[in-house]
N, C-alpha and C. Protein backbone atom coordinates (compact mmCIF):
# COMPACT_ATOMS: atom_id res chain seq x y z
N MET A 1 -8.13 -2.02 19.06
CA MET A 1 -8.20 -2.59 20.79
C MET A 1 -9.51 -2.30 21.36
N ASN A 2 -10.44 -3.49 21.75
CA ASN A 2 -11.59 -3.29 21.96
C ASN A 2 -11.08 -3.41 23.91
N THR A 3 -11.32 -2.32 24.47
CA THR A 3 -10.83 -1.93 25.76
C THR A 3 -12.06 -1.15 26.32
N ILE A 4 -12.54 -1.36 27.78
CA ILE A 4 -12.84 -0.85 28.43
C ILE A 4 -12.40 0.72 29.21
N GLU A 5 -12.46 1.69 29.18
CA GLU A 5 -11.46 2.58 29.73
C GLU A 5 -11.99 2.82 31.54
N THR A 6 -11.34 2.73 32.22
CA THR A 6 -11.96 3.04 33.44
C THR A 6 -12.25 4.33 34.12
N THR A 7 -12.80 5.02 34.69
CA THR A 7 -13.16 6.33 35.30
C THR A 7 -11.95 7.02 35.80
N VAL A 8 -11.44 7.63 35.73
CA VAL A 8 -10.11 8.64 36.04
C VAL A 8 -10.55 9.45 37.52
N LYS A 9 -10.16 9.07 38.35
CA LYS A 9 -10.23 9.73 39.62
C LYS A 9 -9.04 10.57 40.15
N GLY A 10 -9.17 12.01 39.33
CA GLY A 10 -8.07 13.30 39.77
C GLY A 10 -7.40 12.15 38.92
N ASP A 11 -6.02 12.84 39.48
CA ASP A 11 -5.14 12.53 38.29
C ASP A 11 -4.79 11.44 37.98
N ARG A 12 -5.17 10.52 38.68
CA ARG A 12 -4.43 8.65 38.85
C ARG A 12 -5.33 8.01 37.75
N ARG A 13 -4.43 7.40 37.13
CA ARG A 13 -4.65 6.65 35.86
C ARG A 13 -5.54 5.15 36.70
N ARG A 14 -6.62 5.12 35.33
CA ARG A 14 -6.72 3.30 36.43
C ARG A 14 -6.38 2.51 35.58
N ARG A 15 -7.04 1.18 35.84
CA ARG A 15 -6.63 -0.17 34.76
C ARG A 15 -7.52 0.16 33.76
N ARG A 16 -6.85 -0.40 32.61
CA ARG A 16 -8.16 -1.24 31.39
C ARG A 16 -9.04 -2.31 31.98
N LEU A 17 -9.87 -2.30 30.71
CA LEU A 17 -10.35 -3.74 31.75
C LEU A 17 -10.79 -4.07 29.82
N HIS A 18 -10.54 -5.19 30.20
CA HIS A 18 -10.59 -5.84 28.62
C HIS A 18 -11.96 -7.12 28.78
N THR A 19 -13.11 -6.84 27.49
CA THR A 19 -13.36 -7.33 27.69
C THR A 19 -13.67 -8.98 27.06
N ASP A 20 -14.71 -10.04 27.77
CA ASP A 20 -14.10 -11.60 27.48
C ASP A 20 -14.18 -11.71 26.66
N GLU A 21 -14.32 -11.08 25.14
CA GLU A 21 -14.46 -11.17 23.89
C GLU A 21 -13.29 -11.10 23.40
N PHE A 22 -12.61 -10.19 24.25
CA PHE A 22 -11.40 -9.52 22.81
C PHE A 22 -10.45 -10.60 24.01
N LYS A 23 -10.62 -10.84 25.36
CA LYS A 23 -9.41 -11.43 25.17
C LYS A 23 -9.52 -12.89 24.85
N ALA A 24 -10.82 -13.79 24.73
CA ALA A 24 -10.70 -14.83 23.93
C ALA A 24 -10.67 -14.72 22.48
N SER A 25 -10.48 -13.72 21.57
CA SER A 25 -9.99 -13.35 20.63
C SER A 25 -7.86 -13.58 20.62
N LEU A 26 -7.71 -12.80 21.34
CA LEU A 26 -5.96 -12.69 21.38
C LEU A 26 -5.51 -14.22 21.57
N VAL A 27 -6.30 -14.88 22.84
CA VAL A 27 -6.11 -16.31 23.21
C VAL A 27 -6.16 -17.43 21.80
N ALA A 28 -7.56 -16.94 21.08
CA ALA A 28 -7.55 -17.76 20.01
C ALA A 28 -5.89 -17.62 18.65
N ALA A 29 -5.85 -16.48 18.70
CA ALA A 29 -4.73 -15.63 17.53
C ALA A 29 -3.50 -16.68 18.37
N CYS A 30 -3.26 -16.67 19.20
CA CYS A 30 -2.13 -17.02 20.07
C CYS A 30 -1.86 -18.44 19.78
N SER A 31 -3.10 -19.97 19.47
CA SER A 31 -3.70 -20.98 19.40
C SER A 31 -2.69 -21.00 17.53
N ARG A 32 -3.20 -20.79 17.23
CA ARG A 32 -2.55 -20.96 16.18
C ARG A 32 -1.20 -21.20 15.48
N PRO A 33 -0.65 -22.00 14.82
CA PRO A 33 0.79 -21.96 14.43
C PRO A 33 1.34 -21.73 14.05
N GLY A 34 3.04 -21.08 14.50
CA GLY A 34 3.76 -20.16 13.97
C GLY A 34 3.69 -18.46 14.13
N VAL A 35 2.53 -18.40 15.45
CA VAL A 35 2.56 -17.45 16.09
C VAL A 35 2.90 -16.95 17.21
N SER A 36 3.09 -15.90 17.85
CA SER A 36 4.45 -15.41 18.60
C SER A 36 3.24 -14.95 19.60
N ILE A 37 3.37 -15.13 20.97
CA ILE A 37 2.55 -14.65 22.15
C ILE A 37 2.90 -12.81 21.74
N ALA A 38 4.24 -12.65 21.85
CA ALA A 38 4.37 -11.23 21.96
C ALA A 38 4.53 -10.73 20.85
N SER A 39 3.77 -11.02 19.87
CA SER A 39 3.74 -10.47 18.49
C SER A 39 2.09 -9.97 18.46
N VAL A 40 1.52 -11.31 19.08
CA VAL A 40 -0.04 -10.75 19.44
C VAL A 40 -0.44 -9.93 20.01
N ALA A 41 0.63 -10.15 21.23
CA ALA A 41 0.56 -8.69 22.27
C ALA A 41 0.73 -7.54 22.00
N LEU A 42 2.15 -7.25 21.66
CA LEU A 42 2.43 -6.11 20.33
C LEU A 42 1.15 -5.22 19.62
N ALA A 43 1.00 -6.43 18.92
CA ALA A 43 -0.37 -5.86 17.68
C ALA A 43 -1.24 -5.07 18.48
N ASN A 44 -1.83 -5.58 19.66
CA ASN A 44 -3.05 -5.17 20.18
C ASN A 44 -2.60 -4.56 21.52
N GLY A 45 -1.76 -3.90 21.38
CA GLY A 45 -0.78 -2.47 22.42
C GLY A 45 -1.48 -3.49 24.11
N ILE A 46 -1.24 -4.93 24.38
CA ILE A 46 -0.90 -4.80 25.67
C ILE A 46 0.33 -5.79 26.35
N ASN A 47 0.48 -6.44 27.57
CA ASN A 47 2.10 -6.33 27.83
C ASN A 47 1.72 -7.87 27.18
N ALA A 48 2.88 -8.80 26.83
CA ALA A 48 3.08 -10.62 26.96
C ALA A 48 2.67 -11.18 27.95
N ASN A 49 3.27 -10.57 28.93
CA ASN A 49 2.97 -11.53 30.51
C ASN A 49 1.62 -11.51 30.41
N LEU A 50 0.83 -10.49 30.21
CA LEU A 50 -1.09 -10.24 30.62
C LEU A 50 -1.46 -11.74 29.47
N LEU A 51 -0.79 -11.32 28.31
CA LEU A 51 -1.74 -12.39 27.49
C LEU A 51 -1.36 -13.56 27.66
N ARG A 52 -0.40 -14.06 28.26
CA ARG A 52 -0.08 -15.39 29.13
C ARG A 52 -0.45 -15.78 29.98
N ARG A 53 -1.02 -14.63 31.07
CA ARG A 53 -1.93 -15.17 32.11
C ARG A 53 -3.25 -14.99 31.63
N TRP A 54 -3.68 -14.82 30.74
CA TRP A 54 -4.71 -15.38 30.02
C TRP A 54 -4.52 -16.90 29.16
N ILE A 55 -3.80 -16.77 28.46
CA ILE A 55 -3.73 -18.10 28.48
C ILE A 55 -3.87 -19.53 29.50
N GLU A 56 -3.05 -19.05 30.28
CA GLU A 56 -3.20 -20.19 31.16
C GLU A 56 -4.61 -20.13 31.90
N GLN A 57 -5.57 -19.00 32.18
CA GLN A 57 -6.45 -19.03 32.90
C GLN A 57 -7.47 -19.72 32.22
N GLY A 58 -7.10 -19.20 30.82
CA GLY A 58 -8.20 -19.86 29.91
C GLY A 58 -8.35 -21.57 30.19
N GLY A 59 -6.98 -21.78 30.78
CA GLY A 59 -6.88 -23.65 30.63
C GLY A 59 -6.06 -23.99 29.37
N GLN A 60 -5.56 -23.37 28.80
CA GLN A 60 -4.62 -23.97 27.65
C GLN A 60 -3.10 -24.37 28.54
N ARG A 61 -2.31 -24.60 27.24
CA ARG A 61 -1.26 -25.15 27.76
C ARG A 61 -0.23 -23.90 27.12
N LEU A 62 0.70 -23.33 27.39
CA LEU A 62 1.62 -22.87 26.73
C LEU A 62 2.68 -23.69 25.71
N PRO A 63 2.75 -24.22 24.89
CA PRO A 63 3.94 -24.99 24.31
C PRO A 63 5.40 -24.98 24.82
N SER A 64 6.22 -26.01 25.10
CA SER A 64 7.06 -26.04 25.74
C SER A 64 7.97 -26.60 24.84
N VAL A 65 9.56 -26.03 25.01
CA VAL A 65 10.54 -26.99 23.89
C VAL A 65 10.26 -27.94 23.56
N GLU A 66 10.22 -28.83 24.68
CA GLU A 66 10.32 -30.45 24.67
C GLU A 66 9.04 -31.03 23.55
N SER A 67 7.88 -30.00 23.62
CA SER A 67 6.56 -30.62 23.20
C SER A 67 6.97 -30.39 21.21
N ILE A 68 8.04 -29.94 21.10
CA ILE A 68 7.62 -29.12 19.74
C ILE A 68 8.72 -30.16 18.52
N GLU A 69 7.83 -30.65 18.03
CA GLU A 69 8.71 -31.81 17.42
C GLU A 69 9.89 -31.06 16.05
N THR A 70 10.80 -31.80 15.74
CA THR A 70 12.32 -31.00 15.32
C THR A 70 12.25 -31.84 14.19
N THR A 71 12.01 -33.24 14.05
CA THR A 71 12.69 -33.62 13.21
C THR A 71 11.39 -33.88 11.91
N VAL A 72 12.26 -33.96 10.61
CA VAL A 72 11.54 -33.98 9.11
C VAL A 72 11.77 -34.47 8.36
N ASP A 73 10.26 -35.60 7.96
CA ASP A 73 10.43 -36.82 7.33
C ASP A 73 10.83 -36.25 5.32
N MET A 74 12.14 -37.00 5.60
CA MET A 74 12.26 -36.84 4.06
C MET A 74 12.49 -37.90 2.84
N PRO A 75 11.97 -37.74 1.84
CA PRO A 75 11.98 -38.88 0.99
C PRO A 75 13.71 -39.95 1.35
N ARG A 76 13.60 -40.91 0.70
CA ARG A 76 15.08 -41.34 1.36
C ARG A 76 16.01 -41.30 0.07
N ASP A 77 15.98 -40.58 -1.43
CA ASP A 77 16.47 -40.72 -2.11
C ASP A 77 17.20 -39.05 -2.17
N ARG A 78 16.12 -38.01 -1.19
CA ARG A 78 16.58 -37.25 -0.92
C ARG A 78 17.61 -36.90 0.27
N ALA A 79 17.52 -37.87 1.36
CA ALA A 79 18.44 -38.20 2.47
C ALA A 79 19.50 -38.19 2.33
N LYS A 80 19.74 -39.20 1.27
CA LYS A 80 21.16 -39.40 0.65
C LYS A 80 22.02 -38.35 -0.15
N ALA A 81 21.49 -37.34 -0.03
CA ALA A 81 22.01 -36.46 -0.98
C ALA A 81 23.09 -35.82 -0.77
N ALA A 82 24.18 -35.62 -1.13
CA ALA A 82 25.57 -35.24 -0.45
C ALA A 82 25.90 -33.51 -0.84
N PHE A 83 27.07 -33.27 -0.95
CA PHE A 83 27.53 -31.74 -1.20
C PHE A 83 27.97 -31.97 -2.84
N VAL A 84 27.09 -30.93 -3.68
CA VAL A 84 27.38 -31.00 -4.37
C VAL A 84 28.33 -29.92 -5.32
N PRO A 85 29.89 -29.95 -5.48
CA PRO A 85 30.53 -28.48 -5.29
C PRO A 85 29.93 -27.65 -6.87
N VAL A 86 30.14 -26.33 -6.85
CA VAL A 86 29.75 -25.80 -7.84
C VAL A 86 30.77 -24.99 -8.14
N GLN A 87 31.18 -25.18 -10.36
CA GLN A 87 32.00 -24.07 -10.05
C GLN A 87 32.05 -22.38 -10.75
N LEU A 88 32.86 -21.64 -10.11
CA LEU A 88 32.35 -20.30 -10.35
C LEU A 88 33.47 -19.47 -10.59
N ASP A 89 33.15 -18.68 -11.78
CA ASP A 89 34.03 -18.02 -12.61
C ASP A 89 35.02 -17.34 -11.84
N SER A 90 35.98 -17.46 -12.06
CA SER A 90 37.06 -16.73 -11.16
C SER A 90 37.81 -15.36 -11.49
N THR A 91 37.08 -14.74 -12.78
CA THR A 91 37.82 -13.55 -13.13
C THR A 91 36.52 -12.80 -12.49
N PRO A 92 37.22 -11.63 -11.11
CA PRO A 92 36.13 -11.21 -10.60
C PRO A 92 35.76 -9.76 -11.54
N SER A 93 34.47 -9.13 -11.60
CA SER A 93 33.99 -8.25 -12.30
C SER A 93 33.99 -6.81 -11.92
N SER A 94 34.77 -6.07 -12.83
CA SER A 94 35.24 -4.76 -11.78
C SER A 94 34.01 -3.55 -11.79
N THR A 95 32.67 -3.84 -11.85
CA THR A 95 31.62 -2.94 -11.40
C THR A 95 30.92 -3.67 -10.22
N ALA A 96 31.54 -5.11 -10.16
CA ALA A 96 30.76 -5.84 -8.72
C ALA A 96 31.73 -5.06 -7.50
N SER A 97 32.44 -4.86 -7.43
CA SER A 97 33.79 -3.86 -6.58
C SER A 97 33.20 -2.75 -6.48
N ASP A 98 33.25 -2.42 -7.56
CA ASP A 98 32.26 -0.48 -7.61
C ASP A 98 31.89 -0.39 -6.77
N ILE A 99 31.88 0.92 -6.17
CA ILE A 99 30.47 1.70 -5.03
C ILE A 99 29.68 2.21 -6.15
N ARG A 100 28.57 2.52 -5.96
CA ARG A 100 27.49 2.75 -6.92
C ARG A 100 26.40 3.97 -6.34
N ILE A 101 26.79 5.59 -6.61
CA ILE A 101 25.71 6.38 -6.08
C ILE A 101 24.59 6.89 -6.85
N GLU A 102 23.80 6.47 -6.37
CA GLU A 102 22.29 7.23 -7.49
C GLU A 102 21.75 8.34 -6.74
N LEU A 103 21.77 9.80 -7.33
CA LEU A 103 20.87 10.38 -6.09
C LEU A 103 19.77 11.31 -7.64
N GLN A 104 18.74 11.81 -6.90
CA GLN A 104 17.38 12.17 -7.21
C GLN A 104 17.04 13.25 -6.94
N ARG A 105 17.07 14.18 -7.61
CA ARG A 105 16.31 15.58 -7.10
C ARG A 105 15.03 16.06 -8.40
N GLY A 106 14.47 15.91 -7.99
CA GLY A 106 12.96 16.28 -9.40
C GLY A 106 13.10 15.33 -10.54
N ALA A 107 13.49 15.80 -11.28
CA ALA A 107 13.41 14.58 -12.79
C ALA A 107 15.03 14.38 -13.05
N THR A 108 15.53 15.03 -12.03
CA THR A 108 17.47 14.88 -12.43
C THR A 108 17.87 14.22 -11.89
N THR A 109 18.52 13.19 -12.35
CA THR A 109 19.40 11.38 -11.74
C THR A 109 20.77 11.97 -11.47
N VAL A 110 21.30 11.59 -11.00
CA VAL A 110 23.08 11.21 -11.05
C VAL A 110 23.12 10.20 -10.26
N VAL A 111 24.46 9.83 -11.50
CA VAL A 111 25.33 8.50 -11.18
C VAL A 111 25.93 8.56 -10.94
N VAL A 112 27.06 8.36 -10.23
CA VAL A 112 28.19 8.13 -9.62
C VAL A 112 29.05 6.72 -9.35
N ASN A 113 30.12 6.18 -9.76
CA ASN A 113 30.76 5.55 -9.30
C ASN A 113 31.67 5.56 -9.23
N TRP A 114 32.52 5.01 -8.07
CA TRP A 114 33.63 4.59 -7.60
C TRP A 114 34.37 3.50 -7.22
N PRO A 115 35.59 3.68 -7.67
CA PRO A 115 36.01 2.33 -7.22
C PRO A 115 36.22 2.28 -5.57
N SER A 116 36.14 0.93 -5.47
CA SER A 116 36.05 0.04 -3.74
C SER A 116 37.39 1.24 -3.42
N SER A 117 38.37 0.77 -3.80
CA SER A 117 39.40 1.04 -3.34
C SER A 117 39.87 2.53 -2.62
N ALA A 118 38.59 3.52 -3.19
CA ALA A 118 38.34 5.10 -2.98
C ALA A 118 37.61 5.31 -2.40
N ALA A 119 37.24 4.29 -1.38
CA ALA A 119 35.81 4.14 -0.34
C ALA A 119 35.50 5.34 0.30
N ALA A 120 36.78 5.96 1.11
CA ALA A 120 36.96 7.56 1.54
C ALA A 120 36.80 7.94 1.39
N ALA A 121 37.33 8.38 0.26
CA ALA A 121 36.85 9.89 -0.75
C ALA A 121 35.55 9.79 -1.04
N SER A 122 34.74 8.78 -1.38
CA SER A 122 33.32 8.58 -1.75
C SER A 122 32.79 9.02 -0.57
N ALA A 123 32.98 8.32 0.91
CA ALA A 123 32.26 8.77 1.70
C ALA A 123 32.28 10.19 2.21
N ALA A 124 33.47 10.99 2.18
CA ALA A 124 33.61 12.51 2.12
C ALA A 124 32.79 12.68 1.39
N TRP A 125 33.20 12.76 0.23
CA TRP A 125 31.95 13.34 -0.84
C TRP A 125 30.53 13.65 -0.63
N LEU A 126 30.46 12.10 -0.41
CA LEU A 126 28.44 11.73 -0.40
C LEU A 126 28.59 12.82 1.34
N ARG A 127 29.38 12.74 2.10
CA ARG A 127 29.45 13.81 3.13
C ARG A 127 28.88 15.29 2.77
N GLU A 128 29.51 15.52 2.13
CA GLU A 128 29.53 17.06 1.38
C GLU A 128 27.87 17.16 0.79
N ILE A 129 27.80 16.77 0.23
CA ILE A 129 26.45 16.80 -0.95
C ILE A 129 25.74 16.88 -0.33
N LEU A 130 25.56 15.86 0.68
CA LEU A 130 24.34 15.78 1.50
C LEU A 130 23.93 16.63 3.30
N ARG A 131 25.06 17.67 3.22
CA ARG A 131 24.66 18.84 3.80
C ARG A 131 23.85 19.66 3.33
């Protein structure tokens, strides 16, 4: 973070002063598409409201909700696509509903498979193991 720390008088902290280059680089980072002002501010250790003020002072306008284009041009053949049902296998797999717990300690690995119907018992066992 490129800031200039002002001197401390007594026990009272002073405001940080930021260089013009630092401000310009953050304002430029916010002007890229898909970048949020809050994420740029958080990454650089400043308040998002301060960064918004720098953007407005720099003569740039913040994008409004109305100015963001939400329509997407699609080819005509894709625009007419409809819902396509997918056939799923109706036999449930027994391993899909099992609870699998894998514990590692050093070179030893222990794998425990519990039926999902005994979830409370597996939780109690795991609590005892992790004590």
